[in-house]
Amino acid sequence: MFLSGKKFNAGLLLLRIGIGLVFIGHGYPKLMGGPERWEEVGGAMSYLGIDSYHIIFGFFAGAAELFGGLFLILGFYMLPTLILLICTMIVALISQIATQSGYPAIAHPLSLGIIFVALLFIGPGKYSIDYKLSKSSRPRRSRW
């Protein structure tokens, strides 16, 4: 039996909250780790042939995860948020494959990336800021 209406939107909210909290938990230590941690995280860009600005890339990866997780929970700016998170997961996936970390390490960014792509198709649902903003910006219908 497929869910519809309130159950579907509640399930979508639960998914957004759960995954959002996971990403806040990943992003916060990266951001608070300072330049040394940013350099380490940004070093993954080497696997894409980018051998400079690792500190900047590491900072942006941590920010994308922390604020992306928050925006995911709120259902706010979902399109740019999901695109940033998908890009972060692609880099993480490439890094895990390049270091031959094995399937468990590869499965994490791969499965999260798939979830983010699916959310691009599904949307944030009714229980989101984006939905509320889209409802308030629609032109009012005439009662006539």
Protein backbone atom coordinates (compact mmCIF):
# COMPACT_ATOMS: atom_id res chain seq x y z
CA MET A 1 0.00 0.00 0.00
CA PHE A 2 1.40 3.36 -1.01
CA LEU A 3 1.19 6.36 1.22
CA SER A 4 -0.62 9.46 0.12
CA GLY A 5 -1.48 12.86 1.50
CA LYS A 6 -0.57 13.50 5.11
CA LYS A 7 1.24 10.17 5.62
CA PHE A 8 3.40 10.74 2.54
CA ASN A 9 4.32 14.26 3.62
CA ALA A 10 4.97 13.15 7.20
CA GLY A 11 7.25 10.39 5.90
CA LEU A 12 9.07 12.87 3.70
CA LEU A 13 9.50 15.22 6.67
CA LEU A 14 10.88 12.36 8.76
CA LEU A 15 13.35 11.50 5.99
CA ARG A 16 14.46 15.13 5.69
CA ILE A 17 14.90 15.48 9.46
CA GLY A 18 16.83 12.21 9.79
CA ILE A 19 19.20 12.82 6.89
CA GLY A 20 19.52 16.50 7.83
CA LEU A 21 20.64 15.61 11.37
CA VAL A 22 23.18 13.16 9.96
CA PHE A 23 24.64 15.90 7.79
CA ILE A 24 24.72 18.45 10.58
CA GLY A 25 26.64 15.82 12.55
CA HIS A 26 29.10 15.42 9.67
CA GLY A 27 29.48 19.10 8.85
CA TYR A 28 29.83 20.63 12.31
CA PRO A 29 33.15 18.93 13.25
CA LYS A 30 34.53 19.68 9.79
CA LEU A 31 33.74 23.39 10.12
CA MET A 32 34.94 23.61 13.72
CA GLY A 33 38.11 21.69 12.92
CA GLY A 34 39.72 24.79 11.49
CA PRO A 35 42.21 25.11 8.64
CA GLU A 36 44.01 21.82 9.37
CA ARG A 37 40.77 19.85 9.12
CA TRP A 38 39.64 21.86 6.08
CA GLU A 39 42.93 21.03 4.34
CA GLU A 40 42.41 17.34 5.11
CA VAL A 41 38.80 17.30 3.87
CA GLY A 42 39.59 19.44 0.82
CA GLY A 43 42.42 17.08 -0.05
CA ALA A 44 39.78 14.84 -1.62
CA MET A 45 39.77 17.27 -4.53
CA SER A 46 43.18 15.85 -5.51
CA TYR A 47 41.36 12.82 -6.84
CA LEU A 48 39.68 15.16 -9.32
CA GLY A 49 43.00 16.66 -10.37
CA ILE A 50 42.63 19.82 -8.25
CA ASP A 51 45.80 20.22 -6.22
CA SER A 52 45.31 23.66 -4.71
CA TYR A 53 42.84 25.55 -2.54
CA HIS A 54 42.16 22.48 -0.42
CA ILE A 55 41.48 24.63 2.64
CA ILE A 56 38.73 26.50 0.78
CA PHE A 57 37.19 23.30 -0.63
CA GLY A 58 37.30 21.68 2.81
CA PHE A 59 35.61 24.68 4.40
CA PHE A 60 32.88 24.67 1.74
CA ALA A 61 32.36 20.91 2.14
CA GLY A 62 31.82 21.33 5.89
CA ALA A 63 29.54 24.33 5.31
CA ALA A 64 27.57 22.45 2.65
CA GLU A 65 27.03 19.57 5.05
CA LEU A 66 26.18 21.66 8.11
CA PHE A 67 23.93 24.23 6.45
CA GLY A 68 22.71 21.72 3.88
CA GLY A 69 21.53 19.52 6.73
CA LEU A 70 19.76 22.44 8.36
CA PHE A 71 18.14 23.55 5.11
CA LEU A 72 17.14 19.95 4.39
CA ILE A 73 15.35 19.74 7.74
CA LEU A 74 13.57 23.03 7.10
CA GLY A 75 12.81 22.23 3.47
CA PHE A 76 14.34 25.57 2.52
CA TYR A 77 16.08 26.30 -0.80
CA MET A 78 15.87 22.61 -1.58
CA LEU A 79 17.12 22.74 -5.19
CA PRO A 80 20.46 24.47 -4.48
CA THR A 81 20.84 22.56 -1.21
CA LEU A 82 20.40 19.20 -2.89
CA ILE A 83 22.74 20.12 -5.74
CA LEU A 84 25.47 21.08 -3.25
CA LEU A 85 24.94 17.90 -1.24
CA ILE A 86 24.99 15.75 -4.38
CA CYS A 87 28.28 17.37 -5.45
CA THR A 88 29.71 16.76 -1.98
CA MET A 89 28.67 13.09 -2.17
CA ILE A 90 30.18 12.71 -5.63
CA VAL A 91 33.54 13.96 -4.36
CA ALA A 92 33.28 11.72 -1.28
CA LEU A 93 32.41 8.74 -3.48
CA ILE A 94 35.32 9.37 -5.85
CA SER A 95 37.64 9.76 -2.85
CA GLN A 96 36.50 6.46 -1.35
CA ILE A 97 36.86 4.65 -4.67
CA ALA A 98 40.32 6.15 -5.30
CA THR A 99 41.60 5.12 -1.86
CA GLN A 100 40.14 1.63 -2.33
CA SER A 101 38.32 1.91 0.98
CA GLY A 102 36.00 -0.99 0.20
CA TYR A 103 32.29 -1.34 -0.26
CA PRO A 104 31.10 -0.15 3.21
CA ALA A 105 32.93 3.16 2.76
CA ILE A 106 31.65 3.55 -0.80
CA ALA A 107 28.06 2.64 0.13
CA HIS A 108 27.65 5.63 2.47
CA PRO A 109 28.14 8.51 -0.02
CA LEU A 110 26.53 6.45 -2.79
CA SER A 111 23.32 5.79 -0.88
CA LEU A 112 23.08 9.37 0.38
CA GLY A 113 23.66 10.69 -3.12
CA ILE A 114 20.84 8.49 -4.41
CA ILE A 115 18.54 9.82 -1.68
CA PHE A 116 19.39 13.41 -2.67
CA VAL A 117 18.73 12.73 -6.35
CA ALA A 118 15.39 11.14 -5.42
CA LEU A 119 14.51 14.20 -3.33
CA LEU A 120 15.17 16.36 -6.40
CA PHE A 121 12.33 14.48 -8.13
CA ILE A 122 10.02 14.25 -5.11
CA GLY A 123 10.43 17.75 -3.73
CA PRO A 124 10.36 18.84 -0.10
CA GLY A 125 6.69 18.05 0.58
CA LYS A 126 3.98 20.09 2.22
CA TYR A 127 5.76 20.38 5.56
CA SER A 128 8.53 22.65 4.30
CA ILE A 129 9.37 26.32 4.06
CA ASP A 130 9.65 26.06 0.28
CA TYR A 131 6.08 24.77 0.07
CA LYS A 132 4.78 27.54 2.32
CA LEU A 133 6.62 30.18 0.29
CA SER A 134 5.34 28.79 -3.00
CA LYS A 135 1.76 28.89 -1.70
CA SER A 136 2.07 32.52 -0.57
CA SER A 137 3.67 33.69 -3.83
CA ARG A 138 0.94 32.28 -6.09
CA PRO A 139 -1.47 34.80 -7.54
CA ARG A 140 -4.83 34.84 -5.78
CA ARG A 141 -7.80 33.46 -7.69
CA SER A 142 -10.77 35.64 -8.19
CA ARG A 143 -13.90 34.44 -6.41
CA TRP A 144 -15.95 35.29 -9.49
